[in-house]
Protein backbone atom coordinates (compact mmCIF):
# COMPACT_ATOMS: atom_id res chain seq x y z
CA MET A 1 33.98 -46.46 15.10
CA GLY A 2 30.65 -45.30 16.46
CA THR A 3 30.48 -42.95 13.50
CA TYR A 4 31.07 -44.88 10.72
CA VAL A 5 28.33 -47.75 12.10
CA ARG A 6 25.58 -44.79 12.33
CA LYS A 7 26.48 -43.87 8.71
CA PHE A 8 26.42 -47.68 7.36
CA VAL A 9 22.94 -48.13 9.24
CA THR A 10 21.49 -44.48 7.60
CA ALA A 11 23.28 -45.56 4.56
CA ALA A 12 21.33 -49.50 4.35
CA THR A 13 18.17 -48.12 5.43
CA ALA A 14 18.15 -45.08 3.16
CA SER A 15 18.74 -48.02 0.36
CA ALA A 16 16.21 -50.38 2.02
CA VAL A 17 13.56 -47.08 1.22
CA LEU A 18 14.73 -46.40 -2.27
CA THR A 19 14.06 -50.23 -3.33
CA GLY A 20 11.22 -51.37 -1.44
CA GLY A 21 12.55 -53.44 0.93
CA LEU A 22 11.15 -52.37 4.28
CA ILE A 23 7.88 -53.96 4.75
CA GLY A 24 5.18 -51.51 3.71
CA LEU A 25 6.74 -49.77 1.70
CA SER A 26 6.78 -48.95 -1.64
CA ALA A 27 8.90 -48.01 -4.30
CA ALA A 28 6.74 -45.53 -5.79
CA PRO A 29 6.99 -41.89 -4.16
CA ALA A 30 5.09 -40.42 -1.10
CA SER A 31 2.45 -38.31 -2.73
CA ALA A 32 3.95 -35.01 -1.13
CA ALA A 33 1.72 -31.72 -0.92
CA GLU A 34 2.41 -29.78 -3.89
CA VAL A 35 3.89 -26.26 -1.87
CA CYS A 36 3.33 -22.47 -3.53
CA ASP A 37 4.60 -19.28 -2.26
CA ASP A 38 2.13 -16.92 -0.51
CA VAL A 39 1.45 -14.40 -2.22
CA TYR A 40 -1.29 -11.87 -2.39
CA LYS A 41 -2.15 -9.57 -5.09
CA ARG A 42 -4.49 -6.50 -4.34
CA LYS A 43 -6.51 -4.26 -6.77
CA TYR A 44 -7.02 -0.84 -5.97
CA THR A 45 -10.37 1.35 -6.68
CA GLU A 46 -11.03 4.77 -5.37
CA ILE A 47 -14.26 4.67 -4.28
CA SER A 48 -14.67 8.36 -2.68
CA SER A 49 -12.61 11.63 -2.21
CA THR A 50 -12.92 13.95 0.59
CA TRP A 51 -11.85 17.07 2.45
CA HIS A 52 -10.66 15.35 6.10
CA LYS A 53 -9.62 19.49 7.06
CA VAL A 54 -8.85 22.21 5.10
CA VAL A 55 -6.11 24.38 7.26
CA ALA A 56 -5.73 27.06 4.82
CA SER A 57 -7.52 28.45 1.61
CA GLY A 58 -8.37 31.84 -0.23
CA VAL A 59 -7.66 33.63 -3.66
CA ILE A 60 -4.54 34.96 -5.46
CA ASP A 61 -5.82 37.99 -7.86
CA ASN A 62 -2.96 38.59 -10.84
CA ARG A 63 -5.02 39.51 -13.44
CA ARG A 64 -3.67 42.59 -13.21
CA GLY A 65 0.22 41.33 -13.74
CA ASP A 66 2.37 40.62 -16.79
CA ALA A 67 4.49 37.81 -14.76
CA SER A 68 3.44 34.89 -12.34
CA VAL A 69 3.80 35.22 -8.37
CA ARG A 70 4.72 33.25 -5.86
CA GLU A 71 2.73 33.08 -2.69
CA SER A 72 3.72 31.38 0.51
CA VAL A 73 0.62 30.34 2.42
CA SER A 74 0.62 29.56 5.89
CA ALA A 75 -1.56 26.97 7.64
CA ASP A 76 -4.10 28.69 9.64
CA ILE A 77 -4.53 25.25 12.09
CA SER A 78 -3.28 21.85 12.68
CA ALA A 79 -4.62 18.61 11.29
CA SER A 80 -4.00 14.85 10.74
CA LEU A 81 -5.24 11.76 9.55
CA LYS A 82 -4.13 8.19 10.07
CA GLY A 83 -4.94 5.64 7.36
CA SER A 84 -6.98 2.44 8.26
CA VAL A 85 -7.02 -1.36 6.76
CA GLU A 86 -11.21 -3.28 7.31
CA GLY A 87 -10.27 -6.71 5.83
CA GLU A 88 -7.17 -8.69 5.25
CA ILE A 89 -4.90 -7.66 2.70
CA GLY A 90 -2.12 -9.26 3.43
CA GLY A 91 -0.14 -6.21 4.89
CA LYS A 92 -0.65 -2.79 6.96
CA ILE A 93 -1.45 0.65 6.28
CA ASP A 94 2.23 1.54 4.75
CA LEU A 95 2.06 -1.35 2.02
CA ALA A 96 -1.23 -0.60 1.28
CA ALA A 97 -0.50 3.39 0.69
CA ALA A 98 3.19 2.58 -1.11
CA GLU A 99 1.22 0.70 -3.77
CA ILE A 100 -1.68 3.08 -4.23
CA SER A 101 1.05 5.91 -4.62
CA SER A 102 2.88 3.53 -7.00
CA LYS A 103 -0.24 2.02 -9.63
CA LEU A 104 -2.52 4.51 -9.05
CA GLY A 105 -0.19 7.71 -9.51
CA VAL A 106 -1.48 9.61 -6.06
CA SER A 107 0.91 10.40 -3.49
CA VAL A 108 -0.90 9.16 -0.51
CA GLU A 109 0.67 7.77 3.35
CA GLY A 110 -0.44 6.05 5.96
CA SER A 111 -0.72 8.95 8.17
CA VAL A 112 -0.62 12.69 7.56
CA THR A 113 0.22 15.61 9.87
CA ILE A 114 0.23 19.20 8.83
CA THR A 115 1.27 22.06 11.52
CA ARG A 116 -0.32 24.97 12.12
CA GLY A 117 2.06 27.71 10.71
CA LYS A 118 3.53 25.09 7.86
CA THR A 119 4.17 26.64 4.54
CA THR A 120 3.21 26.01 1.11
CA MET A 121 3.77 27.87 -2.15
CA ILE A 122 1.02 28.54 -4.64
CA VAL A 123 2.10 30.29 -8.18
CA ALA A 124 -0.05 32.14 -9.34
CA PRO A 125 0.32 32.84 -13.74
CA ALA A 126 0.39 35.92 -15.13
CA ARG A 127 -3.51 37.30 -15.58
CA LYS A 128 -5.08 34.90 -13.63
CA ARG A 129 -7.01 34.47 -10.55
CA ILE A 130 -6.27 31.87 -8.75
CA ASN A 131 -8.34 29.88 -5.34
CA TYR A 132 -6.59 27.24 -3.41
CA LYS A 133 -7.58 25.06 -0.77
CA ILE A 134 -4.56 23.48 1.61
CA GLY A 135 -5.51 20.90 3.60
CA ILE A 136 -5.57 16.75 4.05
CA LYS A 137 -7.79 14.79 1.67
CA LYS A 138 -9.34 11.15 2.68
CA ARG A 139 -9.51 8.60 -0.03
CA VAL A 140 -10.63 5.35 0.24
CA TYR A 141 -10.35 2.54 -1.59
CA GLN A 142 -12.08 -1.19 -2.07
CA VAL A 143 -9.34 -3.43 -2.59
CA TYR A 144 -9.70 -6.87 -4.57
CA VAL A 145 -7.75 -9.37 -2.84
CA THR A 146 -6.25 -12.81 -4.34
CA HIS A 147 -4.35 -14.64 -2.12
CA GLN A 148 -2.34 -17.26 -3.08
CA SER A 149 -1.19 -20.22 0.13
CA ARG A 150 1.37 -22.27 0.55
CA ASN A 151 -1.01 -25.08 -0.03
CA CYS A 152 -1.60 -23.56 -3.50
CA ARG A 153 -5.63 -22.47 -2.69
CA VAL A 154 -6.89 -19.34 -3.64
CA SER A 155 -8.80 -17.46 -2.15
CA SER A 156 -10.11 -13.90 -3.33
CA HIS A 157 -12.07 -11.02 -1.10
CA TRP A 158 -12.93 -7.72 -0.94
CA ALA A 159 -11.35 -5.11 1.34
CA LYS A 160 -11.31 -1.44 2.22
CA VAL A 161 -8.62 1.03 3.06
CA THR A 162 -8.70 4.60 3.69
CA VAL A 163 -5.69 6.62 3.19
CA ALA A 164 -4.33 10.42 4.18
CA ASP A 165 -3.07 12.88 1.08
CA SER A 166 -1.38 16.11 1.72
CA TYR A 167 -3.45 17.87 -0.89
CA THR A 168 -3.15 21.25 -2.46
CA GLU A 169 -5.80 21.98 -5.10
CA THR A 170 -5.50 25.06 -7.13
CA TRP A 171 -7.89 26.09 -9.84
CA ASN A 172 -8.83 29.36 -11.81
CA SER A 173 -11.73 31.89 -11.32
């Protein structure tokens, strides 16, 4: 019986509110604040790319060969680089690295380690002399961040992201 009374009182109160029957309330809806999704959008622009550490380099001379030559090259030293975020981007370094990789087509990570002795395969085509460098590149990106908050206000600002790239560079000489 007590539950029934509570339901009845609640229903009566709701009915009175909807019809404006309570003192000080109008039938007009309350002005509720607009609610938006909390959304970050980021646009990345590379501002520098430098070698952090070269773990192996050399030349494969195949100018006299009639077929391609594959050579396994070992890292002479170990190296590592941990990325960083300067400013607010709405996520951590691994999120930024994943977005950079997918949006810009480069293979970067939040952190990279190359251990001494790690091997990399280098291919020298027939009648070519190939120079190579193996190591970690430090890539720095300027990030334009647009943030739409839950109260629908939009703000924009700049940030900087540094990511690591386990990189092999080859060129003809």
